[in-house]
């Protein structure tokens, strides 16, 4: 296990999975400055590890993250410069998770609020406990979600539901979050970890090359691209000539499960 931010962020690897743990249980894993600074480094370490195919992001002891650490606000919002720097810090951290070229799954239990929800939205998939509470309540503090956080929220739930969440600051239970598309699966608490692990291993058994390219193409579509570029056409050709396709095709002909490198 690798620790960051005096143990408030932990990265552990159990091939082929890695787990990034938000570990401030005494504060319901509220994110402080040290944690925001550590997240890009932890994400980069997971990205660089060749044995890691999936990253799971979760919080310690029953909560994902209850938001940003309000106790630091007098410092982070001391003046315009510090507020701008704080915003850039959050954007860099969530952007690092979103840009990871491996699938990222958020395991959500307990509170997933504000900055915690921003982290979950930067993940590819969100799997929650039915008892989880999710919300975007900056209006309770006279603050706002950044454009990137708002964009990810809209991509998850649509414009109208995003407006409702931001305008009302309501907390949504797991099953309501599922109905809106904010999360992808909901399970009872005792079934949550096995369900996340099963999903992660299901993905990890498939072609990592295919999944990386799928994630990259989806990102381009979400950025507004509507036609293939020479690069994406090149990716297609690369796949047709690649070792993953060779193994997948051989396994199909032999009627066996493929074993991808």
C-alpha atoms as a PDB file:
ATOM      1  CA  UNK A   1       0.000   0.000   0.000  1.00  0.00           C
ATOM      2  CA  UNK A   2       1.175   3.503  -0.869  1.00  0.00           C
ATOM      3  CA  UNK A   3       0.142   6.368   1.399  1.00  0.00           C
ATOM      4  CA  UNK A   4      -0.272  10.025   0.476  1.00  0.00           C
ATOM      5  CA  UNK A   5      -1.283  13.112   2.433  1.00  0.00           C
ATOM      6  CA  UNK A   6      -0.236  11.585   5.788  1.00  0.00           C
ATOM      7  CA  UNK A   7      -2.373   8.533   5.110  1.00  0.00           C
ATOM      8  CA  UNK A   8      -5.505  10.423   4.080  1.00  0.00           C
ATOM      9  CA  UNK A   9      -5.198   8.925   0.580  1.00  0.00           C
ATOM     10  CA  UNK A  10      -4.104   5.329   0.135  1.00  0.00           C
ATOM     11  CA  UNK A  11      -3.448   3.331  -3.011  1.00  0.00           C
ATOM     12  CA  UNK A  12      -3.370  -0.451  -2.805  1.00  0.00           C
ATOM     13  CA  UNK A  13      -2.915  -2.912  -5.655  1.00  0.00           C
ATOM     14  CA  UNK A  14      -4.405  -6.400  -5.777  1.00  0.00           C
ATOM     15  CA  UNK A  15      -3.826  -7.523  -9.360  1.00  0.00           C
ATOM     16  CA  UNK A  16      -5.610  -6.779 -11.606  1.00  0.00           C
ATOM     17  CA  UNK A  17      -7.384  -4.212  -9.418  1.00  0.00           C
ATOM     18  CA  UNK A  18      -6.187  -1.109  -7.620  1.00  0.00           C
ATOM     19  CA  UNK A  19      -8.089   0.705  -4.887  1.00  0.00           C
ATOM     20  CA  UNK A  20      -7.776   4.395  -4.119  1.00  0.00           C
ATOM     21  CA  UNK A  21      -9.058   4.972  -0.590  1.00  0.00           C
ATOM     22  CA  UNK A  22     -10.125   8.358   0.784  1.00  0.00           C
ATOM     23  CA  UNK A  23      -9.097   7.846   4.373  1.00  0.00           C
ATOM     24  CA  UNK A  24     -10.240  10.552   6.772  1.00  0.00           C
ATOM     25  CA  UNK A  25     -13.023   8.655   8.515  1.00  0.00           C
ATOM     26  CA  UNK A  26     -13.041  11.071  11.464  1.00  0.00           C
ATOM     27  CA  UNK A  27     -14.244  13.743   8.986  1.00  0.00           C
ATOM     28  CA  UNK A  28     -16.402  11.391   6.899  1.00  0.00           C
ATOM     29  CA  UNK A  29     -13.585  11.573   4.362  1.00  0.00           C
ATOM     30  CA  UNK A  30     -14.008  15.300   3.716  1.00  0.00           C
ATOM     31  CA  UNK A  31     -11.295  16.338   1.269  1.00  0.00           C
ATOM     32  CA  UNK A  32      -8.593  18.665   2.540  1.00  0.00           C
ATOM     33  CA  UNK A  33      -5.887  20.433   0.571  1.00  0.00           C
ATOM     34  CA  UNK A  34      -3.376  17.652   1.061  1.00  0.00           C
ATOM     35  CA  UNK A  35      -5.824  15.120  -0.376  1.00  0.00           C
ATOM     36  CA  UNK A  36      -6.596  17.254  -3.428  1.00  0.00           C
ATOM     37  CA  UNK A  37      -2.862  17.592  -4.054  1.00  0.00           C
ATOM     38  CA  UNK A  38      -2.315  13.837  -3.623  1.00  0.00           C
ATOM     39  CA  UNK A  39      -5.054  12.569  -5.925  1.00  0.00           C
ATOM     40  CA  UNK A  40      -3.262  13.270  -9.234  1.00  0.00           C
ATOM     41  CA  UNK A  41      -0.134  11.491  -7.976  1.00  0.00           C
ATOM     42  CA  UNK A  42      -2.143   8.479  -6.832  1.00  0.00           C
ATOM     43  CA  UNK A  43      -4.005   8.355 -10.143  1.00  0.00           C
ATOM     44  CA  UNK A  44      -0.724   8.569 -12.071  1.00  0.00           C
ATOM     45  CA  UNK A  45       0.730   5.706 -10.022  1.00  0.00           C
ATOM     46  CA  UNK A  46      -2.298   3.534 -10.812  1.00  0.00           C
ATOM     47  CA  UNK A  47      -2.054   4.473 -14.481  1.00  0.00           C
ATOM     48  CA  UNK A  48       1.626   3.550 -14.640  1.00  0.00           C
ATOM     49  CA  UNK A  49       1.252   0.153 -12.956  1.00  0.00           C
ATOM     50  CA  UNK A  50       1.101  -2.436 -15.773  1.00  0.00           C
ATOM     51  CA  UNK A  51      -0.642  -4.987 -13.533  1.00  0.00           C
ATOM     52  CA  UNK A  52      -3.566  -2.657 -12.823  1.00  0.00           C
ATOM     53  CA  UNK A  53      -6.531  -2.858 -15.189  1.00  0.00           C
ATOM     54  CA  UNK A  54      -9.232  -1.209 -13.073  1.00  0.00           C
ATOM     55  CA  UNK A  55      -9.114   1.506 -10.410  1.00  0.00           C
ATOM     56  CA  UNK A  56     -11.748   1.463  -7.664  1.00  0.00           C
ATOM     57  CA  UNK A  57     -12.268   4.697  -5.748  1.00  0.00           C
ATOM     58  CA  UNK A  58     -13.935   4.525  -2.351  1.00  0.00           C
ATOM     59  CA  UNK A  59     -14.001   6.057   1.106  1.00  0.00           C
ATOM     60  CA  UNK A  60     -13.064   4.539   4.429  1.00  0.00           C
ATOM     61  CA  UNK A  61     -15.493   3.287   7.077  1.00  0.00           C
ATOM     62  CA  UNK A  62     -18.876   3.705   5.538  1.00  0.00           C
ATOM     63  CA  UNK A  63     -18.723   7.013   3.649  1.00  0.00           C
ATOM     64  CA  UNK A  64     -17.444   7.939   0.199  1.00  0.00           C
ATOM     65  CA  UNK A  65     -16.752  11.618   0.945  1.00  0.00           C
ATOM     66  CA  UNK A  66     -18.880  14.197   2.726  1.00  0.00           C
ATOM     67  CA  UNK A  67     -17.520  17.088   0.643  1.00  0.00           C
ATOM     68  CA  UNK A  68     -14.621  19.503   0.896  1.00  0.00           C
ATOM     69  CA  UNK A  69     -13.118  20.236   4.294  1.00  0.00           C
ATOM     70  CA  UNK A  70     -15.058  23.307   5.411  1.00  0.00           C
ATOM     71  CA  UNK A  71     -12.563  23.915   8.210  1.00  0.00           C
ATOM     72  CA  UNK A  72     -10.045  24.975   5.545  1.00  0.00           C
ATOM     73  CA  UNK A  73     -12.351  27.483   3.840  1.00  0.00           C
ATOM     74  CA  UNK A  74     -11.013  30.539   5.714  1.00  0.00           C
ATOM     75  CA  UNK A  75      -7.615  29.682   4.213  1.00  0.00           C
ATOM     76  CA  UNK A  76      -8.693  28.510   0.763  1.00  0.00           C
ATOM     77  CA  UNK A  77     -11.087  31.441   0.319  1.00  0.00           C
ATOM     78  CA  UNK A  78      -8.923  34.086   1.988  1.00  0.00           C
ATOM     79  CA  UNK A  79      -8.764  36.148  -1.190  1.00  0.00           C
ATOM     80  CA  UNK A  80      -9.375  35.890  -4.931  1.00  0.00           C
ATOM     81  CA  UNK A  81      -5.964  34.388  -5.643  1.00  0.00           C
ATOM     82  CA  UNK A  82      -6.356  31.627  -3.063  1.00  0.00           C
ATOM     83  CA  UNK A  83      -9.897  30.864  -4.272  1.00  0.00           C
ATOM     84  CA  UNK A  84      -8.687  30.570  -7.869  1.00  0.00           C
ATOM     85  CA  UNK A  85      -5.827  28.318  -6.805  1.00  0.00           C
ATOM     86  CA  UNK A  86      -8.198  26.109  -4.820  1.00  0.00           C
ATOM     87  CA  UNK A  87     -10.494  25.776  -7.839  1.00  0.00           C
ATOM     88  CA  UNK A  88      -7.559  24.811 -10.052  1.00  0.00           C
ATOM     89  CA  UNK A  89      -6.462  22.235  -7.479  1.00  0.00           C
ATOM     90  CA  UNK A  90      -9.873  20.550  -7.511  1.00  0.00           C
ATOM     91  CA  UNK A  91     -10.090  20.689 -11.290  1.00  0.00           C
ATOM     92  CA  UNK A  92      -6.659  19.066 -11.606  1.00  0.00           C
ATOM     93  CA  UNK A  93      -7.580  16.271  -9.196  1.00  0.00           C
ATOM     94  CA  UNK A  94     -10.920  15.401 -10.775  1.00  0.00           C
ATOM     95  CA  UNK A  95      -9.430  15.797 -14.236  1.00  0.00           C
ATOM     96  CA  UNK A  96      -6.681  13.298 -13.397  1.00  0.00           C
ATOM     97  CA  UNK A  97      -9.255  10.665 -12.506  1.00  0.00           C
ATOM     98  CA  UNK A  98     -11.392  11.408 -15.560  1.00  0.00           C
ATOM     99  CA  UNK A  99      -8.373  11.239 -17.883  1.00  0.00           C
ATOM    100  CA  UNK A 100      -7.065   7.912 -16.572  1.00  0.00           C
ATOM    101  CA  UNK A 101      -6.827   5.544 -19.523  1.00  0.00           C
ATOM    102  CA  UNK A 102      -8.108   2.655 -17.417  1.00  0.00           C
ATOM    103  CA  UNK A 103     -11.689   2.215 -16.211  1.00  0.00           C
ATOM    104  CA  UNK A 104     -12.406   3.872 -12.861  1.00  0.00           C
ATOM    105  CA  UNK A 105     -15.278   2.659 -10.672  1.00  0.00           C
ATOM    106  CA  UNK A 106     -16.636   4.615  -7.701  1.00  0.00           C
ATOM    107  CA  UNK A 107     -17.813   2.413  -4.833  1.00  0.00           C
ATOM    108  CA  UNK A 108     -20.292   4.674  -3.055  1.00  0.00           C
ATOM    109  CA  UNK A 109     -21.653   4.214   0.427  1.00  0.00           C
ATOM    110  CA  UNK A 110     -22.817   6.709   3.009  1.00  0.00           C
ATOM    111  CA  UNK A 111     -22.312  10.354   2.104  1.00  0.00           C
ATOM    112  CA  UNK A 112     -21.219  11.285  -1.416  1.00  0.00           C
ATOM    113  CA  UNK A 113     -21.783  15.008  -1.336  1.00  0.00           C
ATOM    114  CA  UNK A 114     -20.439  18.124  -3.021  1.00  0.00           C
ATOM    115  CA  UNK A 115     -16.754  17.623  -3.704  1.00  0.00           C
ATOM    116  CA  UNK A 116     -17.231  13.924  -3.005  1.00  0.00           C
ATOM    117  CA  UNK A 117     -19.833  13.716  -5.739  1.00  0.00           C
ATOM    118  CA  UNK A 118     -17.464  15.624  -8.045  1.00  0.00           C
ATOM    119  CA  UNK A 119     -14.903  12.851  -7.556  1.00  0.00           C
ATOM    120  CA  UNK A 120     -17.520  10.165  -8.188  1.00  0.00           C
ATOM    121  CA  UNK A 121     -18.644  11.941 -11.364  1.00  0.00           C
ATOM    122  CA  UNK A 122     -15.044  11.858 -12.625  1.00  0.00           C
ATOM    123  CA  UNK A 123     -15.194   8.053 -12.460  1.00  0.00           C
ATOM    124  CA  UNK A 124     -16.456   5.986 -15.385  1.00  0.00           C
ATOM    125  CA  UNK A 125     -18.962   3.942 -13.395  1.00  0.00           C
ATOM    126  CA  UNK A 126     -20.695   4.590 -10.079  1.00  0.00           C
ATOM    127  CA  UNK A 127     -22.028   1.697  -8.014  1.00  0.00           C
ATOM    128  CA  UNK A 128     -23.807   2.641  -4.807  1.00  0.00           C
ATOM    129  CA  UNK A 129     -25.388   1.222  -1.702  1.00  0.00           C
ATOM    130  CA  UNK A 130     -29.138   1.699  -1.455  1.00  0.00           C
ATOM    131  CA  UNK A 131     -28.487   3.597   1.781  1.00  0.00           C
ATOM    132  CA  UNK A 132     -26.025   6.033   0.152  1.00  0.00           C
ATOM    133  CA  UNK A 133     -26.853   9.745   0.091  1.00  0.00           C
ATOM    134  CA  UNK A 134     -25.720  11.727  -2.954  1.00  0.00           C
ATOM    135  CA  UNK A 135     -26.035  15.420  -3.605  1.00  0.00           C
ATOM    136  CA  UNK A 136     -24.591  18.630  -5.006  1.00  0.00           C
ATOM    137  CA  UNK A 137     -25.399  21.269  -2.356  1.00  0.00           C
ATOM    138  CA  UNK A 138     -23.132  24.271  -3.064  1.00  0.00           C
ATOM    139  CA  UNK A 139     -26.240  26.499  -2.886  1.00  0.00           C
ATOM    140  CA  UNK A 140     -26.378  25.769   0.842  1.00  0.00           C
ATOM    141  CA  UNK A 141     -23.047  27.589   1.193  1.00  0.00           C
ATOM    142  CA  UNK A 142     -23.381  30.281  -1.440  1.00  0.00           C
ATOM    143  CA  UNK A 143     -20.839  28.500  -3.646  1.00  0.00           C
ATOM    144  CA  UNK A 144     -21.034  26.876  -7.081  1.00  0.00           C
ATOM    145  CA  UNK A 145     -19.916  23.784  -8.937  1.00  0.00           C
ATOM    146  CA  UNK A 146     -17.187  24.410 -11.495  1.00  0.00           C
ATOM    147  CA  UNK A 147     -17.967  24.136 -15.180  1.00  0.00           C
ATOM    148  CA  UNK A 148     -16.212  20.772 -15.430  1.00  0.00           C
ATOM    149  CA  UNK A 149     -18.097  19.352 -12.422  1.00  0.00           C
ATOM    150  CA  UNK A 150     -21.384  20.712 -13.781  1.00  0.00           C
ATOM    151  CA  UNK A 151     -20.664  19.252 -17.225  1.00  0.00           C
ATOM    152  CA  UNK A 152     -20.092  15.808 -15.733  1.00  0.00           C
ATOM    153  CA  UNK A 153     -23.276  16.092 -13.684  1.00  0.00           C
ATOM    154  CA  UNK A 154     -25.275  17.012 -16.803  1.00  0.00           C
ATOM    155  CA  UNK A 155     -23.715  14.125 -18.715  1.00  0.00           C
ATOM    156  CA  UNK A 156     -24.869  11.767 -15.962  1.00  0.00           C
ATOM    157  CA  UNK A 157     -28.413  12.971 -15.288  1.00  0.00           C
ATOM    158  CA  UNK A 158     -29.351  15.445 -18.024  1.00  0.00           C
ATOM    159  CA  UNK A 159     -29.934  19.183 -17.884  1.00  0.00           C
ATOM    160  CA  UNK A 160     -33.253  19.245 -16.005  1.00  0.00           C
ATOM    161  CA  UNK A 161     -32.188  16.842 -13.263  1.00  0.00           C
ATOM    162  CA  UNK A 162     -28.852  18.651 -12.879  1.00  0.00           C
ATOM    163  CA  UNK A 163     -30.710  21.938 -12.436  1.00  0.00           C
ATOM    164  CA  UNK A 164     -32.995  20.357  -9.851  1.00  0.00           C
ATOM    165  CA  UNK A 165     -30.048  18.925  -7.893  1.00  0.00           C
ATOM    166  CA  UNK A 166     -28.131  22.206  -7.923  1.00  0.00           C
ATOM    167  CA  UNK A 167     -31.154  24.460  -7.309  1.00  0.00           C
ATOM    168  CA  UNK A 168     -32.574  22.410  -4.400  1.00  0.00           C
ATOM    169  CA  UNK A 169     -29.355  21.008  -2.874  1.00  0.00           C
ATOM    170  CA  UNK A 170     -31.361  17.860  -2.156  1.00  0.00           C
ATOM    171  CA  UNK A 171     -29.720  14.645  -1.016  1.00  0.00           C
ATOM    172  CA  UNK A 172     -30.768  11.645  -3.091  1.00  0.00           C
ATOM    173  CA  UNK A 173     -30.919   8.103  -1.731  1.00  0.00           C
ATOM    174  CA  UNK A 174     -29.249   5.409  -3.785  1.00  0.00           C
ATOM    175  CA  UNK A 175     -32.326   4.194  -5.643  1.00  0.00           C
ATOM    176  CA  UNK A 176     -33.405   7.712  -6.607  1.00  0.00           C
ATOM    177  CA  UNK A 177     -29.860   8.348  -7.845  1.00  0.00           C
ATOM    178  CA  UNK A 178     -30.175   5.196  -9.946  1.00  0.00           C
ATOM    179  CA  UNK A 179     -33.481   6.370 -11.423  1.00  0.00           C
ATOM    180  CA  UNK A 180     -31.856   9.637 -12.509  1.00  0.00           C
ATOM    181  CA  UNK A 181     -28.765   7.944 -13.956  1.00  0.00           C
ATOM    182  CA  UNK A 182     -26.462   9.459 -11.343  1.00  0.00           C
ATOM    183  CA  UNK A 183     -25.300   5.946 -10.455  1.00  0.00           C
ATOM    184  CA  UNK A 184     -25.175   2.824 -12.637  1.00  0.00           C
ATOM    185  CA  UNK A 185     -26.063   0.140 -10.097  1.00  0.00           C
ATOM    186  CA  UNK A 186     -27.476   0.010  -6.576  1.00  0.00           C
ATOM    187  CA  UNK A 187     -27.038  -2.844  -4.115  1.00  0.00           C
ATOM    188  CA  UNK A 188     -27.830  -3.482  -0.496  1.00  0.00           C
ATOM    189  CA  UNK A 189     -24.928  -2.611   1.775  1.00  0.00           C
ATOM    190  CA  UNK A 190     -23.699  -6.158   2.376  1.00  0.00           C
ATOM    191  CA  UNK A 191     -23.738  -6.911  -1.361  1.00  0.00           C
ATOM    192  CA  UNK A 192     -22.014  -3.699  -2.487  1.00  0.00           C
ATOM    193  CA  UNK A 193     -18.345  -4.693  -2.278  1.00  0.00           C
ATOM    194  CA  UNK A 194     -18.873  -8.113  -3.925  1.00  0.00           C
ATOM    195  CA  UNK A 195     -20.867  -6.446  -6.719  1.00  0.00           C
ATOM    196  CA  UNK A 196     -18.143  -3.861  -7.378  1.00  0.00           C
ATOM    197  CA  UNK A 197     -15.446  -6.504  -7.354  1.00  0.00           C
ATOM    198  CA  UNK A 198     -17.441  -8.738  -9.711  1.00  0.00           C
ATOM    199  CA  UNK A 199     -17.988  -5.840 -12.124  1.00  0.00           C
ATOM    200  CA  UNK A 200     -14.300  -4.892 -11.994  1.00  0.00           C
ATOM    201  CA  UNK A 201     -13.135  -8.461 -12.636  1.00  0.00           C
ATOM    202  CA  UNK A 202     -15.638  -8.823 -15.471  1.00  0.00           C
ATOM    203  CA  UNK A 203     -14.115  -5.770 -17.150  1.00  0.00           C
ATOM    204  CA  UNK A 204     -10.554  -6.827 -16.351  1.00  0.00           C
ATOM    205  CA  UNK A 205     -11.054 -10.148 -18.148  1.00  0.00           C
ATOM    206  CA  UNK A 206     -11.706  -8.370 -21.444  1.00  0.00           C
ATOM    207  CA  UNK A 207      -9.282  -6.631 -23.790  1.00  0.00           C
ATOM    208  CA  UNK A 208      -7.617  -3.735 -21.994  1.00  0.00           C
ATOM    209  CA  UNK A 209      -6.699  -2.294 -25.404  1.00  0.00           C
ATOM    210  CA  UNK A 210     -10.347  -2.277 -26.531  1.00  0.00           C
ATOM    211  CA  UNK A 211     -11.546  -0.696 -23.299  1.00  0.00           C
ATOM    212  CA  UNK A 212      -8.864   2.029 -23.365  1.00  0.00           C
ATOM    213  CA  UNK A 213      -9.838   2.924 -26.916  1.00  0.00           C
ATOM    214  CA  UNK A 214     -13.550   2.855 -26.089  1.00  0.00           C
ATOM    215  CA  UNK A 215     -12.948   5.271 -23.214  1.00  0.00           C
ATOM    216  CA  UNK A 216     -10.886   7.553 -25.445  1.00  0.00           C
ATOM    217  CA  UNK A 217     -13.508   7.603 -28.209  1.00  0.00           C
ATOM    218  CA  UNK A 218     -16.351   8.246 -25.753  1.00  0.00           C
ATOM    219  CA  UNK A 219     -14.395  11.203 -24.375  1.00  0.00           C
ATOM    220  CA  UNK A 220     -14.092  12.626 -27.894  1.00  0.00           C
ATOM    221  CA  UNK A 221     -17.802  12.177 -28.542  1.00  0.00           C
ATOM    222  CA  UNK A 222     -18.603  13.982 -25.288  1.00  0.00           C
ATOM    223  CA  UNK A 223     -16.307  16.820 -26.398  1.00  0.00           C
ATOM    224  CA  UNK A 224     -18.459  17.251 -29.498  1.00  0.00           C
ATOM    225  CA  UNK A 225     -16.576  15.307 -32.178  1.00  0.00           C
ATOM    226  CA  UNK A 226     -18.982  13.770 -34.686  1.00  0.00           C
ATOM    227  CA  UNK A 227     -16.725  12.212 -37.307  1.00  0.00           C
ATOM    228  CA  UNK A 228     -13.650  10.020 -37.220  1.00  0.00           C
ATOM    229  CA  UNK A 229     -10.235  11.604 -37.446  1.00  0.00           C
ATOM    230  CA  UNK A 230      -7.109  10.120 -38.951  1.00  0.00           C
ATOM    231  CA  UNK A 231      -6.097   9.210 -35.403  1.00  0.00           C
ATOM    232  CA  UNK A 232      -9.302   7.309 -34.585  1.00  0.00           C
ATOM    233  CA  UNK A 233      -9.197   5.588 -37.981  1.00  0.00           C
ATOM    234  CA  UNK A 234      -5.635   4.611 -37.142  1.00  0.00           C
ATOM    235  CA  UNK A 235      -6.780   3.175 -33.817  1.00  0.00           C
ATOM    236  CA  UNK A 236      -9.325   1.036 -35.670  1.00  0.00           C
ATOM    237  CA  UNK A 237      -6.665  -0.345 -37.997  1.00  0.00           C
ATOM    238  CA  UNK A 238      -4.297  -0.868 -35.069  1.00  0.00           C
ATOM    239  CA  UNK A 239      -6.916  -3.006 -33.365  1.00  0.00           C
ATOM    240  CA  UNK A 240      -7.520  -5.144 -36.435  1.00  0.00           C
ATOM    241  CA  UNK A 241      -3.802  -5.937 -36.586  1.00  0.00           C
ATOM    242  CA  UNK A 242      -3.207  -6.185 -32.836  1.00  0.00           C
ATOM    243  CA  UNK A 243      -2.405  -9.072 -30.524  1.00  0.00           C
ATOM    244  CA  UNK A 244      -5.653  -8.684 -28.588  1.00  0.00           C
ATOM    245  CA  UNK A 245      -7.685  -9.244 -31.752  1.00  0.00           C
ATOM    246  CA  UNK A 246      -5.490 -12.209 -32.680  1.00  0.00           C
ATOM    247  CA  UNK A 247      -6.197 -13.795 -29.298  1.00  0.00           C
ATOM    248  CA  UNK A 248      -9.897 -12.911 -29.340  1.00  0.00           C
ATOM    249  CA  UNK A 249     -10.385 -14.319 -32.832  1.00  0.00           C
ATOM    250  CA  UNK A 250      -8.429 -17.492 -32.027  1.00  0.00           C
ATOM    251  CA  UNK A 251     -10.493 -17.992 -28.868  1.00  0.00           C
ATOM    252  CA  UNK A 252     -13.732 -17.489 -30.817  1.00  0.00           C
ATOM    253  CA  UNK A 253     -12.753 -20.114 -33.389  1.00  0.00           C
ATOM    254  CA  UNK A 254     -11.654 -22.540 -30.667  1.00  0.00           C
ATOM    255  CA  UNK A 255     -14.815 -21.864 -28.616  1.00  0.00           C
ATOM    256  CA  UNK A 256     -12.806 -20.956 -25.521  1.00  0.00           C
ATOM    257  CA  UNK A 257     -12.482 -17.918 -23.306  1.00  0.00           C
ATOM    258  CA  UNK A 258      -9.829 -15.482 -24.542  1.00  0.00           C
ATOM    259  CA  UNK A 259      -6.835 -14.738 -22.370  1.00  0.00           C
ATOM    260  CA  UNK A 260      -5.757 -11.216 -23.143  1.00  0.00           C
ATOM    261  CA  UNK A 261      -2.247  -9.941 -22.367  1.00  0.00           C
END
